[in-house]
C-alpha atoms as a PDB file:
ATOM      1  CA  MET A   1     -51.945 -23.916 -26.363  1.00  0.00           C
ATOM      2  CA  SER A   2     -49.062 -21.968 -27.106  1.00  0.00           C
ATOM      3  CA  ALA A   3     -46.138 -23.713 -29.087  1.00  0.00           C
ATOM      4  CA  HIS A   4     -42.914 -24.642 -28.651  1.00  0.00           C
ATOM      5  CA  MET A   5     -40.088 -22.339 -30.352  1.00  0.00           C
ATOM      6  CA  ARG A   6     -36.659 -22.823 -30.881  1.00  0.00           C
ATOM      7  CA  LYS A   7     -34.430 -19.796 -28.898  1.00  0.00           C
ATOM      8  CA  ARG A   8     -31.266 -18.694 -30.680  1.00  0.00           C
ATOM      9  CA  HIS A   9     -27.738 -18.922 -29.577  1.00  0.00           C
ATOM     10  CA  ILE A  10     -26.860 -15.926 -27.685  1.00  0.00           C
ATOM     11  CA  LYS A  11     -23.278 -14.855 -29.287  1.00  0.00           C
ATOM     12  CA  GLN A  12     -20.726 -14.527 -26.918  1.00  0.00           C
ATOM     13  CA  ASN A  13     -18.623 -11.604 -26.975  1.00  0.00           C
ATOM     14  CA  GLU A  14     -15.077 -12.623 -27.929  1.00  0.00           C
ATOM     15  CA  ASN A  15     -13.495  -9.297 -27.047  1.00  0.00           C
ATOM     16  CA  VAL A  16     -14.717  -9.834 -23.623  1.00  0.00           C
ATOM     17  CA  ILE A  17     -12.166 -10.922 -20.111  1.00  0.00           C
ATOM     18  CA  ARG A  18     -15.113 -12.778 -17.969  1.00  0.00           C
ATOM     19  CA  ILE A  19     -13.024 -13.075 -14.378  1.00  0.00           C
ATOM     20  CA  THR A  20     -14.715 -14.777 -11.427  1.00  0.00           C
ATOM     21  CA  HIS A  21     -13.377 -13.237  -7.703  1.00  0.00           C
ATOM     22  CA  ALA A  22     -15.449 -14.475  -5.448  1.00  0.00           C
ATOM     23  CA  GLY A  23     -18.603 -15.291  -6.682  1.00  0.00           C
ATOM     24  CA  VAL A  24     -18.802 -12.073  -8.423  1.00  0.00           C
ATOM     25  CA  ILE A  25     -18.008 -12.240 -11.965  1.00  0.00           C
ATOM     26  CA  TYR A  26     -16.089  -9.228 -13.466  1.00  0.00           C
ATOM     27  CA  GLN A  27     -16.236  -8.529 -17.642  1.00  0.00           C
ATOM     28  CA  PHE A  28     -13.572  -6.647 -18.517  1.00  0.00           C
ATOM     29  CA  PRO A  29     -12.696  -5.840 -22.658  1.00  0.00           C
ATOM     30  CA  LYS A  30      -9.246  -7.648 -24.070  1.00  0.00           C
ATOM     31  CA  LYS A  31      -7.998  -3.563 -24.689  1.00  0.00           C
ATOM     32  CA  VAL A  32      -8.123  -3.191 -21.304  1.00  0.00           C
ATOM     33  CA  ALA A  33      -6.913  -6.750 -19.825  1.00  0.00           C
ATOM     34  CA  ALA A  34      -3.573  -5.642 -21.890  1.00  0.00           C
ATOM     35  CA  LYS A  35      -2.440  -3.184 -19.905  1.00  0.00           C
ATOM     36  CA  TYR A  36      -2.979  -4.536 -17.349  1.00  0.00           C
ATOM     37  CA  ARG A  37      -0.853  -7.501 -17.741  1.00  0.00           C
ATOM     38  CA  VAL A  38       2.602  -8.052 -15.895  1.00  0.00           C
ATOM     39  CA  THR A  39       5.051  -9.103 -17.312  1.00  0.00           C
ATOM     40  CA  GLU A  40       7.616  -9.629 -15.417  1.00  0.00           C
ATOM     41  CA  GLN A  41       7.806 -12.632 -12.264  1.00  0.00           C
ATOM     42  CA  SER A  42       8.486 -11.188  -9.457  1.00  0.00           C
ATOM     43  CA  VAL A  43       9.930  -7.588  -7.167  1.00  0.00           C
ATOM     44  CA  SER A  44      12.118  -8.118  -4.346  1.00  0.00           C
ATOM     45  CA  THR A  45      10.307  -5.871  -2.197  1.00  0.00           C
ATOM     46  CA  GLN A  46      14.631  -3.889  -1.305  1.00  0.00           C
ATOM     47  CA  LYS A  47      14.046  -2.860  -5.274  1.00  0.00           C
ATOM     48  CA  ILE A  48      10.225  -1.130  -4.707  1.00  0.00           C
ATOM     49  CA  PHE A  49      10.882   0.252  -0.942  1.00  0.00           C
ATOM     50  CA  SER A  50      15.137   1.285  -0.762  1.00  0.00           C
ATOM     51  CA  SER A  51      13.726   4.898  -1.692  1.00  0.00           C
ATOM     52  CA  ILE A  52      11.688   4.998   1.799  1.00  0.00           C
ATOM     53  CA  ASN A  53      14.242   2.976   3.700  1.00  0.00           C
ATOM     54  CA  ARG A  54      16.849   5.937   2.427  1.00  0.00           C
ATOM     55  CA  LYS A  55      14.202   8.660   3.592  1.00  0.00           C
ATOM     56  CA  TYR A  56      13.537   7.179   6.800  1.00  0.00           C
ATOM     57  CA  THR A  57      14.198   4.497   8.969  1.00  0.00           C
ATOM     58  CA  LYS A  58      12.525   1.341   8.797  1.00  0.00           C
ATOM     59  CA  PRO A  59      10.428   2.031  12.436  1.00  0.00           C
ATOM     60  CA  GLY A  60       9.638   5.192  10.732  1.00  0.00           C
ATOM     61  CA  ALA A  61       8.421   4.481   7.953  1.00  0.00           C
ATOM     62  CA  LEU A  62       6.017   1.801   9.969  1.00  0.00           C
ATOM     63  CA  LEU A  63       5.012   4.292  12.151  1.00  0.00           C
ATOM     64  CA  ARG A  64       4.420   6.462   8.690  1.00  0.00           C
ATOM     65  CA  GLY A  65       2.430   3.794   7.163  1.00  0.00           C
ATOM     66  CA  ILE A  66       0.376   2.362   9.915  1.00  0.00           C
ATOM     67  CA  ARG A  67      -0.982   6.429  10.722  1.00  0.00           C
ATOM     68  CA  ILE A  68      -1.640   6.403   6.956  1.00  0.00           C
ATOM     69  CA  ARG A  69      -3.111   2.821   6.660  1.00  0.00           C
ATOM     70  CA  GLU A  70      -5.271   3.721   9.644  1.00  0.00           C
ATOM     71  CA  ASN A  71      -6.009   7.506   7.918  1.00  0.00           C
ATOM     72  CA  LEU A  72      -4.599   9.380  11.255  1.00  0.00           C
ATOM     73  CA  THR A  73      -2.849  12.106  12.029  1.00  0.00           C
ATOM     74  CA  GLN A  74       0.518  12.564  13.860  1.00  0.00           C
ATOM     75  CA  ILE A  75      -1.316  13.954  16.935  1.00  0.00           C
ATOM     76  CA  GLU A  76      -4.387  11.168  16.590  1.00  0.00           C
ATOM     77  CA  MET A  77      -2.261   8.315  16.095  1.00  0.00           C
ATOM     78  CA  ALA A  78       0.381  10.070  19.693  1.00  0.00           C
ATOM     79  CA  LYS A  79      -3.041  10.694  21.680  1.00  0.00           C
ATOM     80  CA  LYS A  80      -3.966   6.580  20.795  1.00  0.00           C
ATOM     81  CA  SER A  81      -0.256   5.664  21.681  1.00  0.00           C
ATOM     82  CA  ARG A  82      -0.418   7.185  24.755  1.00  0.00           C
ATOM     83  CA  LEU A  83       2.183   9.980  24.181  1.00  0.00           C
ATOM     84  CA  LEU A  84       0.371  12.317  24.657  1.00  0.00           C
END
């Protein structure tokens, strides 16, 4: 009969950050995670999208964004919206 043996404790890696999201555990090195640290509290949408609104009208930017999100060409978008 085999006797119970004592197991050594596993050392936790202190240079790793563990993040759980949707039941999945992600591990990142602290040096990598430091690059993605959020330093600003918030940014207004006007500041981010001001260059887009200067280049395109708001409806034009909306249509372009939807077209890119759906991965459609201009012709495919026109056919889906029954303009052609």
